[in-house]
Amino acid sequence: MFEVSHENLINEDLISGEATETQSLTGNATVFLLHDILNNPEVKVRVYEELDRVFLSPEDAKTPPLLLKFKYLKVFITESLRMTPVAPNVARILENRLSFKVITLLLELAWKLL
């Protein structure tokens, strides 16, 4: 089985100073994903089984076609990102005023009925 020491990876980035903002976002997503996997025993077993099935040996080349074989892991990554987005509650400021004519019309009609 594969073992990941995310503490070592984080410490290496901090020491080397190579952690960029993009890597930080990716790192945050990875930490949330690892947390979700490691705190769910059934998921952990299925992910490890899939890793062992796809990577027959640690020396296997990690090619895109090979990575496409990770069906369960892909679904779990998507769900993890849905449950714990990397940038939650990001406010967006509009540059132009929007006009929702249909909603305005419905509100005016509802007001007249009251």
PDB file of N, CA and C in Angstrom:
ATOM      1  N   MET A   1       0.831  -1.188   0.000  1.00  0.00           N
ATOM      2  CA  MET A   1       0.000   0.000   0.000  1.00  0.00           C
ATOM      3  C   MET A   1       0.874   1.249   0.000  1.00  0.00           C
ATOM      4  N   PHE A   2       0.294   2.319  -0.541  1.00  0.00           N
ATOM      5  CA  PHE A   2       1.014   3.581  -0.586  1.00  0.00           C
ATOM      6  C   PHE A   2       0.755   4.345   0.695  1.00  0.00           C
ATOM      7  N   GLU A   3       1.787   4.972   1.215  1.00  0.00           N
ATOM      8  CA  GLU A   3       1.618   5.804   2.393  1.00  0.00           C
ATOM      9  C   GLU A   3       2.039   7.216   2.042  1.00  0.00           C
ATOM     10  N   VAL A   4       1.227   8.190   2.468  1.00  0.00           N
ATOM     11  CA  VAL A   4       1.512   9.586   2.185  1.00  0.00           C
ATOM     12  C   VAL A   4       1.756  10.302   3.500  1.00  0.00           C
ATOM     13  N   SER A   5       2.868  10.967   3.588  1.00  0.00           N
ATOM     14  CA  SER A   5       3.143  11.781   4.767  1.00  0.00           C
ATOM     15  C   SER A   5       2.993  13.234   4.349  1.00  0.00           C
ATOM     16  N   HIS A   6       1.759  13.758   4.502  1.00  0.00           N
ATOM     17  CA  HIS A   6       1.520  15.122   4.069  1.00  0.00           C
ATOM     18  C   HIS A   6       2.281  16.129   4.926  1.00  0.00           C
ATOM     19  N   GLU A   7       2.609  15.756   6.164  1.00  0.00           N
ATOM     20  CA  GLU A   7       3.400  16.656   7.001  1.00  0.00           C
ATOM     21  C   GLU A   7       4.787  16.877   6.394  1.00  0.00           C
ATOM     22  N   ASN A   8       5.399  15.806   5.878  1.00  0.00           N
ATOM     23  CA  ASN A   8       6.720  15.944   5.251  1.00  0.00           C
ATOM     24  C   ASN A   8       6.644  16.815   3.998  1.00  0.00           C
ATOM     25  N   LEU A   9       5.592  16.613   3.187  1.00  0.00           N
ATOM     26  CA  LEU A   9       5.443  17.417   1.969  1.00  0.00           C
ATOM     27  C   LEU A   9       5.269  18.889   2.309  1.00  0.00           C
ATOM     28  N   ILE A  10       4.450  19.179   3.305  1.00  0.00           N
ATOM     29  CA  ILE A  10       4.220  20.563   3.710  1.00  0.00           C
ATOM     30  C   ILE A  10       5.507  21.185   4.239  1.00  0.00           C
ATOM     31  N   ASN A  11       6.209  20.454   5.093  1.00  0.00           N
ATOM     32  CA  ASN A  11       7.466  20.977   5.651  1.00  0.00           C
ATOM     33  C   ASN A  11       8.509  21.224   4.570  1.00  0.00           C
ATOM     34  N   GLU A  12       8.601  20.336   3.587  1.00  0.00           N
ATOM     35  CA  GLU A  12       9.551  20.536   2.489  1.00  0.00           C
ATOM     36  C   GLU A  12       9.246  21.814   1.727  1.00  0.00           C
ATOM     37  N   ASP A  13       7.958  22.085   1.442  1.00  0.00           N
ATOM     38  CA  ASP A  13       7.581  23.305   0.740  1.00  0.00           C
ATOM     39  C   ASP A  13       7.900  24.544   1.566  1.00  0.00           C
ATOM     40  N   LEU A  14       7.639  24.472   2.867  1.00  0.00           N
ATOM     41  CA  LEU A  14       7.913  25.625   3.724  1.00  0.00           C
ATOM     42  C   LEU A  14       9.403  25.915   3.812  1.00  0.00           C
ATOM     43  N   ILE A  15      10.205  24.875   3.944  1.00  0.00           N
ATOM     44  CA  ILE A  15      11.658  25.049   4.049  1.00  0.00           C
ATOM     45  C   ILE A  15      12.249  25.569   2.748  1.00  0.00           C
ATOM     46  N   SER A  16      11.798  25.002   1.627  1.00  0.00           N
ATOM     47  CA  SER A  16      12.359  25.396   0.336  1.00  0.00           C
ATOM     48  C   SER A  16      11.836  26.745  -0.138  1.00  0.00           C
ATOM     49  N   GLY A  17      10.700  27.185   0.422  1.00  0.00           N
ATOM     50  CA  GLY A  17      10.115  28.447  -0.013  1.00  0.00           C
ATOM     51  C   GLY A  17       9.451  28.348  -1.364  1.00  0.00           C
ATOM     52  N   GLU A  18       9.177  27.136  -1.819  1.00  0.00           N
ATOM     53  CA  GLU A  18       8.595  26.950  -3.144  1.00  0.00           C
ATOM     54  C   GLU A  18       7.079  27.039  -3.145  1.00  0.00           C
ATOM     55  N   ALA A  19       6.442  27.142  -1.993  1.00  0.00           N
ATOM     56  CA  ALA A  19       4.984  27.173  -1.938  1.00  0.00           C
ATOM     57  C   ALA A  19       4.481  28.494  -2.513  1.00  0.00           C
ATOM     58  N   THR A  20       3.784  28.433  -3.623  1.00  0.00           N
ATOM     59  CA  THR A  20       3.196  29.617  -4.239  1.00  0.00           C
ATOM     60  C   THR A  20       1.721  29.654  -3.880  1.00  0.00           C
ATOM     61  N   GLU A  21       1.044  30.723  -4.285  1.00  0.00           N
ATOM     62  CA  GLU A  21      -0.387  30.832  -3.988  1.00  0.00           C
ATOM     63  C   GLU A  21      -1.164  29.698  -4.641  1.00  0.00           C
ATOM     64  N   THR A  22      -0.831  29.366  -5.884  1.00  0.00           N
ATOM     65  CA  THR A  22      -1.505  28.265  -6.569  1.00  0.00           C
ATOM     66  C   THR A  22      -1.241  26.950  -5.858  1.00  0.00           C
ATOM     67  N   GLN A  23       0.008  26.744  -5.463  1.00  0.00           N
ATOM     68  CA  GLN A  23       0.326  25.517  -4.729  1.00  0.00           C
ATOM     69  C   GLN A  23      -0.394  25.501  -3.394  1.00  0.00           C
ATOM     70  N   SER A  24      -0.577  26.672  -2.792  1.00  0.00           N
ATOM     71  CA  SER A  24      -1.278  26.748  -1.517  1.00  0.00           C
ATOM     72  C   SER A  24      -2.720  26.316  -1.675  1.00  0.00           C
ATOM     73  N   LEU A  25      -3.389  26.784  -2.742  1.00  0.00           N
ATOM     74  CA  LEU A  25      -4.771  26.369  -2.997  1.00  0.00           C
ATOM     75  C   LEU A  25      -4.835  24.875  -3.265  1.00  0.00           C
ATOM     76  N   THR A  26      -3.902  24.387  -4.075  1.00  0.00           N
ATOM     77  CA  THR A  26      -3.860  22.955  -4.365  1.00  0.00           C
ATOM     78  C   THR A  26      -3.551  22.182  -3.097  1.00  0.00           C
ATOM     79  N   GLY A  27      -2.638  22.717  -2.292  1.00  0.00           N
ATOM     80  CA  GLY A  27      -2.305  22.079  -1.026  1.00  0.00           C
ATOM     81  C   GLY A  27      -3.494  22.029  -0.089  1.00  0.00           C
ATOM     82  N   ASN A  28      -4.272  23.121  -0.032  1.00  0.00           N
ATOM     83  CA  ASN A  28      -5.466  23.128   0.810  1.00  0.00           C
ATOM     84  C   ASN A  28      -6.446  22.053   0.361  1.00  0.00           C
ATOM     85  N   ALA A  29      -6.662  21.955  -0.939  1.00  0.00           N
ATOM     86  CA  ALA A  29      -7.582  20.938  -1.461  1.00  0.00           C
ATOM     87  C   ALA A  29      -7.064  19.545  -1.128  1.00  0.00           C
ATOM     88  N   THR A  30      -5.757  19.357  -1.221  1.00  0.00           N
ATOM     89  CA  THR A  30      -5.160  18.049  -0.925  1.00  0.00           C
ATOM     90  C   THR A  30      -5.307  17.699   0.553  1.00  0.00           C
ATOM     91  N   VAL A  31      -5.094  18.674   1.414  1.00  0.00           N
ATOM     92  CA  VAL A  31      -5.230  18.421   2.853  1.00  0.00           C
ATOM     93  C   VAL A  31      -6.673  18.067   3.194  1.00  0.00           C
ATOM     94  N   PHE A  32      -7.647  18.794   2.625  1.00  0.00           N
ATOM     95  CA  PHE A  32      -9.054  18.461   2.864  1.00  0.00           C
ATOM     96  C   PHE A  32      -9.364  17.058   2.350  1.00  0.00           C
ATOM     97  N   LEU A  33      -8.843  16.731   1.165  1.00  0.00           N
ATOM     98  CA  LEU A  33      -9.082  15.413   0.579  1.00  0.00           C
ATOM     99  C   LEU A  33      -8.500  14.317   1.465  1.00  0.00           C
ATOM    100  N   LEU A  34      -7.259  14.485   1.898  1.00  0.00           N
ATOM    101  CA  LEU A  34      -6.637  13.494   2.779  1.00  0.00           C
ATOM    102  C   LEU A  34      -7.407  13.354   4.092  1.00  0.00           C
ATOM    103  N   HIS A  35      -7.851  14.466   4.625  1.00  0.00           N
ATOM    104  CA  HIS A  35      -8.648  14.435   5.855  1.00  0.00           C
ATOM    105  C   HIS A  35      -9.927  13.633   5.633  1.00  0.00           C
ATOM    106  N   ASP A  36     -10.615  13.894   4.520  1.00  0.00           N
ATOM    107  CA  ASP A  36     -11.862  13.182   4.225  1.00  0.00           C
ATOM    108  C   ASP A  36     -11.629  11.688   4.035  1.00  0.00           C
ATOM    109  N   ILE A  37     -10.547  11.337   3.368  1.00  0.00           N
ATOM    110  CA  ILE A  37     -10.245   9.919   3.148  1.00  0.00           C
ATOM    111  C   ILE A  37      -9.873   9.235   4.457  1.00  0.00           C
ATOM    112  N   LEU A  38      -8.967   9.835   5.210  1.00  0.00           N
ATOM    113  CA  LEU A  38      -8.447   9.187   6.409  1.00  0.00           C
ATOM    114  C   LEU A  38      -9.466   9.103   7.541  1.00  0.00           C
ATOM    115  N   ASN A  39     -10.470   9.966   7.528  1.00  0.00           N
ATOM    116  CA  ASN A  39     -11.494   9.930   8.571  1.00  0.00           C
ATOM    117  C   ASN A  39     -12.707   9.100   8.191  1.00  0.00           C
ATOM    118  N   ASN A  40     -12.646   8.421   7.066  1.00  0.00           N
ATOM    119  CA  ASN A  40     -13.735   7.551   6.630  1.00  0.00           C
ATOM    120  C   ASN A  40     -13.134   6.188   6.301  1.00  0.00           C
ATOM    121  N   PRO A  41     -13.195   5.244   7.227  1.00  0.00           N
ATOM    122  CA  PRO A  41     -12.515   3.957   7.043  1.00  0.00           C
ATOM    123  C   PRO A  41     -12.918   3.200   5.778  1.00  0.00           C
ATOM    124  N   GLU A  42     -14.216   3.235   5.408  1.00  0.00           N
ATOM    125  CA  GLU A  42     -14.640   2.523   4.196  1.00  0.00           C
ATOM    126  C   GLU A  42     -14.029   3.142   2.945  1.00  0.00           C
ATOM    127  N   VAL A  43     -14.001   4.453   2.926  1.00  0.00           N
ATOM    128  CA  VAL A  43     -13.417   5.161   1.778  1.00  0.00           C
ATOM    129  C   VAL A  43     -11.922   4.887   1.713  1.00  0.00           C
ATOM    130  N   LYS A  44     -11.271   4.935   2.856  1.00  0.00           N
ATOM    131  CA  LYS A  44      -9.827   4.696   2.920  1.00  0.00           C
ATOM    132  C   LYS A  44      -9.485   3.330   2.329  1.00  0.00           C
ATOM    133  N   VAL A  45     -10.235   2.312   2.703  1.00  0.00           N
ATOM    134  CA  VAL A  45      -9.993   0.959   2.185  1.00  0.00           C
ATOM    135  C   VAL A  45     -10.202   0.922   0.672  1.00  0.00           C
ATOM    136  N   ARG A  46     -11.294   1.529   0.190  1.00  0.00           N
ATOM    137  CA  ARG A  46     -11.564   1.502  -1.260  1.00  0.00           C
ATOM    138  C   ARG A  46     -10.511   2.260  -2.057  1.00  0.00           C
ATOM    139  N   VAL A  47     -10.054   3.395  -1.525  1.00  0.00           N
ATOM    140  CA  VAL A  47      -9.019   4.174  -2.219  1.00  0.00           C
ATOM    141  C   VAL A  47      -7.713   3.387  -2.278  1.00  0.00           C
ATOM    142  N   TYR A  48      -7.311   2.786  -1.155  1.00  0.00           N
ATOM    143  CA  TYR A  48      -6.082   1.989  -1.143  1.00  0.00           C
ATOM    144  C   TYR A  48      -6.197   0.791  -2.083  1.00  0.00           C
ATOM    145  N   GLU A  49      -7.357   0.135  -2.109  1.00  0.00           N
ATOM    146  CA  GLU A  49      -7.547  -1.000  -3.022  1.00  0.00           C
ATOM    147  C   GLU A  49      -7.427  -0.552  -4.474  1.00  0.00           C
ATOM    148  N   GLU A  50      -8.011   0.605  -4.778  1.00  0.00           N
ATOM    149  CA  GLU A  50      -7.926   1.112  -6.148  1.00  0.00           C
ATOM    150  C   GLU A  50      -6.491   1.487  -6.500  1.00  0.00           C
ATOM    151  N   LEU A  51      -5.773   2.096  -5.568  1.00  0.00           N
ATOM    152  CA  LEU A  51      -4.362   2.425  -5.812  1.00  0.00           C
ATOM    153  C   LEU A  51      -3.555   1.164  -6.091  1.00  0.00           C
ATOM    154  N   ASP A  52      -3.774   0.130  -5.284  1.00  0.00           N
ATOM    155  CA  ASP A  52      -3.049  -1.134  -5.477  1.00  0.00           C
ATOM    156  C   ASP A  52      -3.423  -1.802  -6.795  1.00  0.00           C
ATOM    157  N   ARG A  53      -4.686  -1.672  -7.197  1.00  0.00           N
ATOM    158  CA  ARG A  53      -5.143  -2.302  -8.445  1.00  0.00           C
ATOM    159  C   ARG A  53      -4.571  -1.585  -9.671  1.00  0.00           C
ATOM    160  N   VAL A  54      -4.565  -0.255  -9.626  1.00  0.00           N
ATOM    161  CA  VAL A  54      -4.119   0.523 -10.788  1.00  0.00           C
ATOM    162  C   VAL A  54      -2.599   0.560 -10.882  1.00  0.00           C
ATOM    163  N   PHE A  55      -1.936   0.853  -9.759  1.00  0.00           N
ATOM    164  CA  PHE A  55      -0.473   0.876  -9.743  1.00  0.00           C
ATOM    165  C   PHE A  55       0.012  -0.478  -9.250  1.00  0.00           C
ATOM    166  N   LEU A  56       0.320  -1.348 -10.178  1.00  0.00           N
ATOM    167  CA  LEU A  56       0.746  -2.686  -9.790  1.00  0.00           C
ATOM    168  C   LEU A  56       2.081  -2.657  -9.059  1.00  0.00           C
ATOM    169  N   SER A  57       2.913  -1.670  -9.380  1.00  0.00           N
ATOM    170  CA  SER A  57       4.160  -1.500  -8.643  1.00  0.00           C
ATOM    171  C   SER A  57       4.451  -0.001  -8.533  1.00  0.00           C
ATOM    172  N   PRO A  58       5.182   0.408  -7.503  1.00  0.00           N
ATOM    173  CA  PRO A  58       5.480   1.835  -7.334  1.00  0.00           C
ATOM    174  C   PRO A  58       6.277   2.427  -8.497  1.00  0.00           C
ATOM    175  N   GLU A  59       6.938   1.580  -9.277  1.00  0.00           N
ATOM    176  CA  GLU A  59       7.748   2.066 -10.395  1.00  0.00           C
ATOM    177  C   GLU A  59       6.917   2.334 -11.655  1.00  0.00           C
ATOM    178  N   ASP A  60       5.628   1.963 -11.656  1.00  0.00           N
ATOM    179  CA  ASP A  60       4.786   2.201 -12.830  1.00  0.00           C
ATOM    180  C   ASP A  60       4.791   3.682 -13.191  1.00  0.00           C
ATOM    181  N   ALA A  61       4.860   3.942 -14.494  1.00  0.00           N
ATOM    182  CA  ALA A  61       4.809   5.323 -14.957  1.00  0.00           C
ATOM    183  C   ALA A  61       3.415   5.878 -14.715  1.00  0.00           C
ATOM    184  N   LYS A  62       3.357   7.097 -14.191  1.00  0.00           N
ATOM    185  CA  LYS A  62       2.069   7.739 -13.922  1.00  0.00           C
ATOM    186  C   LYS A  62       1.662   8.506 -15.174  1.00  0.00           C
ATOM    187  N   THR A  63       0.982   7.843 -16.082  1.00  0.00           N
ATOM    188  CA  THR A  63       0.568   8.452 -17.337  1.00  0.00           C
ATOM    189  C   THR A  63      -0.908   8.827 -17.274  1.00  0.00           C
ATOM    190  N   PRO A  64      -1.340   9.806 -18.083  1.00  0.00           N
ATOM    191  CA  PRO A  64      -2.758  10.181 -18.083  1.00  0.00           C
ATOM    192  C   PRO A  64      -3.710   9.003 -18.327  1.00  0.00           C
ATOM    193  N   PRO A  65      -3.432   8.102 -19.297  1.00  0.00           N
ATOM    194  CA  PRO A  65      -4.352   6.969 -19.460  1.00  0.00           C
ATOM    195  C   PRO A  65      -4.451   6.094 -18.214  1.00  0.00           C
ATOM    196  N   LEU A  66      -3.332   5.959 -17.511  1.00  0.00           N
ATOM    197  CA  LEU A  66      -3.350   5.162 -16.285  1.00  0.00           C
ATOM    198  C   LEU A  66      -4.163   5.871 -15.200  1.00  0.00           C
ATOM    199  N   LEU A  67      -4.033   7.183 -15.113  1.00  0.00           N
ATOM    200  CA  LEU A  67      -4.761   7.942 -14.104  1.00  0.00           C
ATOM    201  C   LEU A  67      -6.267   7.928 -14.350  1.00  0.00           C
ATOM    202  N   LEU A  68      -6.666   7.740 -15.610  1.00  0.00           N
ATOM    203  CA  LEU A  68      -8.100   7.664 -15.930  1.00  0.00           C
ATOM    204  C   LEU A  68      -8.757   6.417 -15.338  1.00  0.00           C
ATOM    205  N   LYS A  69      -7.966   5.462 -14.916  1.00  0.00           N
ATOM    206  CA  LYS A  69      -8.510   4.239 -14.325  1.00  0.00           C
ATOM    207  C   LYS A  69      -8.997   4.446 -12.888  1.00  0.00           C
ATOM    208  N   PHE A  70      -8.698   5.587 -12.308  1.00  0.00           N
ATOM    209  CA  PHE A  70      -9.129   5.868 -10.935  1.00  0.00           C
ATOM    210  C   PHE A  70     -10.568   6.383 -10.931  1.00  0.00           C
ATOM    211  N   LYS A  71     -11.515   5.482 -11.036  1.00  0.00           N
ATOM    212  CA  LYS A  71     -12.925   5.869 -11.079  1.00  0.00           C
ATOM    213  C   LYS A  71     -13.414   6.317  -9.698  1.00  0.00           C
ATOM    214  N   TYR A  72     -13.197   5.491  -8.685  1.00  0.00           N
ATOM    215  CA  TYR A  72     -13.691   5.801  -7.337  1.00  0.00           C
ATOM    216  C   TYR A  72     -12.998   7.039  -6.774  1.00  0.00           C
ATOM    217  N   LEU A  73     -11.699   7.117  -6.946  1.00  0.00           N
ATOM    218  CA  LEU A  73     -10.955   8.258  -6.420  1.00  0.00           C
ATOM    219  C   LEU A  73     -11.426   9.559  -7.066  1.00  0.00           C
ATOM    220  N   LYS A  74     -11.688   9.525  -8.360  1.00  0.00           N
ATOM    221  CA  LYS A  74     -12.168  10.724  -9.058  1.00  0.00           C
ATOM    222  C   LYS A  74     -13.500  11.188  -8.478  1.00  0.00           C
ATOM    223  N   VAL A  75     -14.398  10.248  -8.251  1.00  0.00           N
ATOM    224  CA  VAL A  75     -15.707  10.590  -7.672  1.00  0.00           C
ATOM    225  C   VAL A  75     -15.526  11.153  -6.264  1.00  0.00           C
ATOM    226  N   PHE A  76     -14.638  10.545  -5.488  1.00  0.00           N
ATOM    227  CA  PHE A  76     -14.431  11.008  -4.121  1.00  0.00           C
ATOM    228  C   PHE A  76     -13.770  12.383  -4.090  1.00  0.00           C
ATOM    229  N   ILE A  77     -12.846  12.649  -4.995  1.00  0.00           N
ATOM    230  CA  ILE A  77     -12.217  13.979  -5.070  1.00  0.00           C
ATOM    231  C   ILE A  77     -13.277  15.033  -5.386  1.00  0.00           C
ATOM    232  N   THR A  78     -14.150  14.729  -6.342  1.00  0.00           N
ATOM    233  CA  THR A  78     -15.218  15.666  -6.704  1.00  0.00           C
ATOM    234  C   THR A  78     -16.115  15.946  -5.509  1.00  0.00           C
ATOM    235  N   GLU A  79     -16.486  14.896  -4.785  1.00  0.00           N
ATOM    236  CA  GLU A  79     -17.343  15.072  -3.609  1.00  0.00           C
ATOM    237  C   GLU A  79     -16.628  15.837  -2.505  1.00  0.00           C
ATOM    238  N   SER A  80     -15.357  15.571  -2.306  1.00  0.00           N
ATOM    239  CA  SER A  80     -14.586  16.290  -1.292  1.00  0.00           C
ATOM    240  C   SER A  80     -14.516  17.783  -1.621  1.00  0.00           C
ATOM    241  N   LEU A  81     -14.300  18.114  -2.888  1.00  0.00           N
ATOM    242  CA  LEU A  81     -14.251  19.521  -3.297  1.00  0.00           C
ATOM    243  C   LEU A  81     -15.623  20.186  -3.160  1.00  0.00           C
ATOM    244  N   ARG A  82     -16.682  19.407  -3.360  1.00  0.00           N
ATOM    245  CA  ARG A  82     -18.028  19.961  -3.191  1.00  0.00           C
ATOM    246  C   ARG A  82     -18.304  20.251  -1.720  1.00  0.00           C
ATOM    247  N   MET A  83     -17.901  19.324  -0.852  1.00  0.00           N
ATOM    248  CA  MET A  83     -18.174  19.467   0.575  1.00  0.00           C
ATOM    249  C   MET A  83     -17.274  20.509   1.246  1.00  0.00           C
ATOM    250  N   THR A  84     -16.034  20.601   0.823  1.00  0.00           N
ATOM    251  CA  THR A  84     -15.097  21.561   1.412  1.00  0.00           C
ATOM    252  C   THR A  84     -14.378  22.299   0.286  1.00  0.00           C
ATOM    253  N   PRO A  85     -15.059  23.286  -0.310  1.00  0.00           N
ATOM    254  CA  PRO A  85     -14.417  24.025  -1.400  1.00  0.00           C
ATOM    255  C   PRO A  85     -13.175  24.771  -0.910  1.00  0.00           C
ATOM    256  N   VAL A  86     -12.218  24.922  -1.795  1.00  0.00           N
ATOM    257  CA  VAL A  86     -10.952  25.563  -1.428  1.00  0.00           C
ATOM    258  C   VAL A  86     -11.160  27.032  -1.077  1.00  0.00           C
ATOM    259  N   ALA A  87     -12.057  27.702  -1.787  1.00  0.00           N
ATOM    260  CA  ALA A  87     -12.321  29.122  -1.529  1.00  0.00           C
ATOM    261  C   ALA A  87     -13.813  29.321  -1.262  1.00  0.00           C
ATOM    262  N   PRO A  88     -14.298  28.931  -0.063  1.00  0.00           N
ATOM    263  CA  PRO A  88     -15.725  29.079   0.213  1.00  0.00           C
ATOM    264  C   PRO A  88     -16.106  30.538   0.436  1.00  0.00           C
ATOM    265  N   ASN A  89     -17.354  30.838   0.182  1.00  0.00           N
ATOM    266  CA  ASN A  89     -17.927  32.161   0.452  1.00  0.00           C
ATOM    267  C   ASN A  89     -17.175  33.292  -0.235  1.00  0.00           C
ATOM    268  N   VAL A  90     -16.780  33.066  -1.462  1.00  0.00           N
ATOM    269  CA  VAL A  90     -16.091  34.107  -2.216  1.00  0.00           C
ATOM    270  C   VAL A  90     -17.139  35.054  -2.787  1.00  0.00           C
ATOM    271  N   ALA A  91     -17.063  36.313  -2.399  1.00  0.00           N
ATOM    272  CA  ALA A  91     -18.010  37.307  -2.897  1.00  0.00           C
ATOM    273  C   ALA A  91     -17.544  37.806  -4.256  1.00  0.00           C
ATOM    274  N   ARG A  92     -18.494  38.007  -5.120  1.00  0.00           N
ATOM    275  CA  ARG A  92     -18.176  38.544  -6.440  1.00  0.00           C
ATOM    276  C   ARG A  92     -18.839  39.902  -6.582  1.00  0.00           C
ATOM    277  N   ILE A  93     -18.075  40.868  -7.028  1.00  0.00           N
ATOM    278  CA  ILE A  93     -18.594  42.214  -7.204  1.00  0.00           C
ATOM    279  C   ILE A  93     -18.850  42.441  -8.686  1.00  0.00           C
ATOM    280  N   LEU A  94     -20.079  42.843  -8.982  1.00  0.00           N
ATOM    281  CA  LEU A  94     -20.437  43.096 -10.368  1.00  0.00           C
ATOM    282  C   LEU A  94     -19.947  44.469 -10.790  1.00  0.00           C
ATOM    283  N   GLU A  95     -19.462  44.549 -12.018  1.00  0.00           N
ATOM    284  CA  GLU A  95     -18.986  45.834 -12.523  1.00  0.00           C
ATOM    285  C   GLU A  95     -20.131  46.681 -13.062  1.00  0.00           C
ATOM    286  N   ASN A  96     -21.178  46.038 -13.528  1.00  0.00           N
ATOM    287  CA  ASN A  96     -22.331  46.752 -14.079  1.00  0.00           C
ATOM    288  C   ASN A  96     -23.586  46.357 -13.316  1.00  0.00           C
ATOM    289  N   ARG A  97     -24.532  47.270 -13.253  1.00  0.00           N
ATOM    290  CA  ARG A  97     -25.798  46.985 -12.589  1.00  0.00           C
ATOM    291  C   ARG A  97     -26.613  46.032 -13.462  1.00  0.00           C
ATOM    292  N   LEU A  98     -27.196  45.033 -12.834  1.00  0.00           N
ATOM    293  CA  LEU A  98     -28.023  44.087 -13.557  1.00  0.00           C
ATOM    294  C   LEU A  98     -29.483  44.434 -13.379  1.00  0.00           C
ATOM    295  N   SER A  99     -30.243  44.225 -14.419  1.00  0.00           N
ATOM    296  CA  SER A  99     -31.678  44.480 -14.358  1.00  0.00           C
ATOM    297  C   SER A  99     -32.407  43.172 -14.637  1.00  0.00           C
ATOM    298  N   PHE A 100     -33.185  42.750 -13.672  1.00  0.00           N
ATOM    299  CA  PHE A 100     -33.991  41.550 -13.840  1.00  0.00           C
ATOM    300  C   PHE A 100     -35.429  41.985 -14.077  1.00  0.00           C
ATOM    301  N   LYS A 101     -35.760  42.235 -15.314  1.00  0.00           N
ATOM    302  CA  LYS A 101     -37.072  42.790 -15.655  1.00  0.00           C
ATOM    303  C   LYS A 101     -38.204  41.838 -15.282  1.00  0.00           C
ATOM    304  N   VAL A 102     -38.019  40.562 -15.463  1.00  0.00           N
ATOM    305  CA  VAL A 102     -39.076  39.596 -15.160  1.00  0.00           C
ATOM    306  C   VAL A 102     -39.356  39.584 -13.664  1.00  0.00           C
ATOM    307  N   ILE A 103     -38.300  39.575 -12.860  1.00  0.00           N
ATOM    308  CA  ILE A 103     -38.480  39.557 -11.408  1.00  0.00           C
ATOM    309  C   ILE A 103     -39.114  40.867 -10.946  1.00  0.00           C
ATOM    310  N   THR A 104     -38.671  41.974 -11.485  1.00  0.00           N
ATOM    311  CA  THR A 104     -39.240  43.271 -11.134  1.00  0.00           C
ATOM    312  C   THR A 104     -40.722  43.299 -11.482  1.00  0.00           C
ATOM    313  N   LEU A 105     -41.087  42.796 -12.643  1.00  0.00           N
ATOM    314  CA  LEU A 105     -42.484  42.757 -13.073  1.00  0.00           C
ATOM    315  C   LEU A 105     -43.313  41.895 -12.128  1.00  0.00           C
ATOM    316  N   LEU A 106     -42.787  40.715 -11.766  1.00  0.00           N
ATOM    317  CA  LEU A 106     -43.513  39.833 -10.851  1.00  0.00           C
ATOM    318  C   LEU A 106     -43.690  40.477  -9.483  1.00  0.00           C
ATOM    319  N   LEU A 107     -42.658  41.153  -8.992  1.00  0.00           N
ATOM    320  CA  LEU A 107     -42.769  41.829  -7.703  1.00  0.00           C
ATOM    321  C   LEU A 107     -43.797  42.953  -7.759  1.00  0.00           C
ATOM    322  N   GLU A 108     -43.825  43.699  -8.855  1.00  0.00           N
ATOM    323  CA  GLU A 108     -44.817  44.773  -8.998  1.00  0.00           C
ATOM    324  C   GLU A 108     -46.225  44.201  -9.036  1.00  0.00           C
ATOM    325  N   LEU A 109     -46.430  43.081  -9.749  1.00  0.00           N
ATOM    326  CA  LEU A 109     -47.738  42.443  -9.800  1.00  0.00           C
ATOM    327  C   LEU A 109     -48.157  41.941  -8.427  1.00  0.00           C
ATOM    328  N   ALA A 110     -47.218  41.316  -7.709  1.00  0.00           N
ATOM    329  CA  ALA A 110     -47.517  40.818  -6.382  1.00  0.00           C
ATOM    330  C   ALA A 110     -47.863  41.957  -5.441  1.00  0.00           C
ATOM    331  N   TRP A 111     -47.170  43.086  -5.564  1.00  0.00           N
ATOM    332  CA  TRP A 111     -47.446  44.238  -4.713  1.00  0.00           C
ATOM    333  C   TRP A 111     -48.844  44.794  -4.974  1.00  0.00           C
ATOM    334  N   LYS A 112     -49.252  44.817  -6.240  1.00  0.00           N
ATOM    335  CA  LYS A 112     -50.578  45.335  -6.602  1.00  0.00           C
ATOM    336  C   LYS A 112     -51.673  44.415  -6.062  1.00  0.00           C
ATOM    337  N   LEU A 113     -51.404  43.113  -6.001  1.00  0.00           N
ATOM    338  CA  LEU A 113     -52.411  42.179  -5.491  1.00  0.00           C
ATOM    339  C   LEU A 113     -52.610  42.318  -3.992  1.00  0.00           C
ATOM    340  N   LEU A 114     -51.587  42.797  -3.300  1.00  0.00           N
ATOM    341  CA  LEU A 114     -51.707  42.994  -1.848  1.00  0.00           C
ATOM    342  C   LEU A 114     -52.510  44.242  -1.598  1.00  0.00           C
TER     343      LEU A 114
END
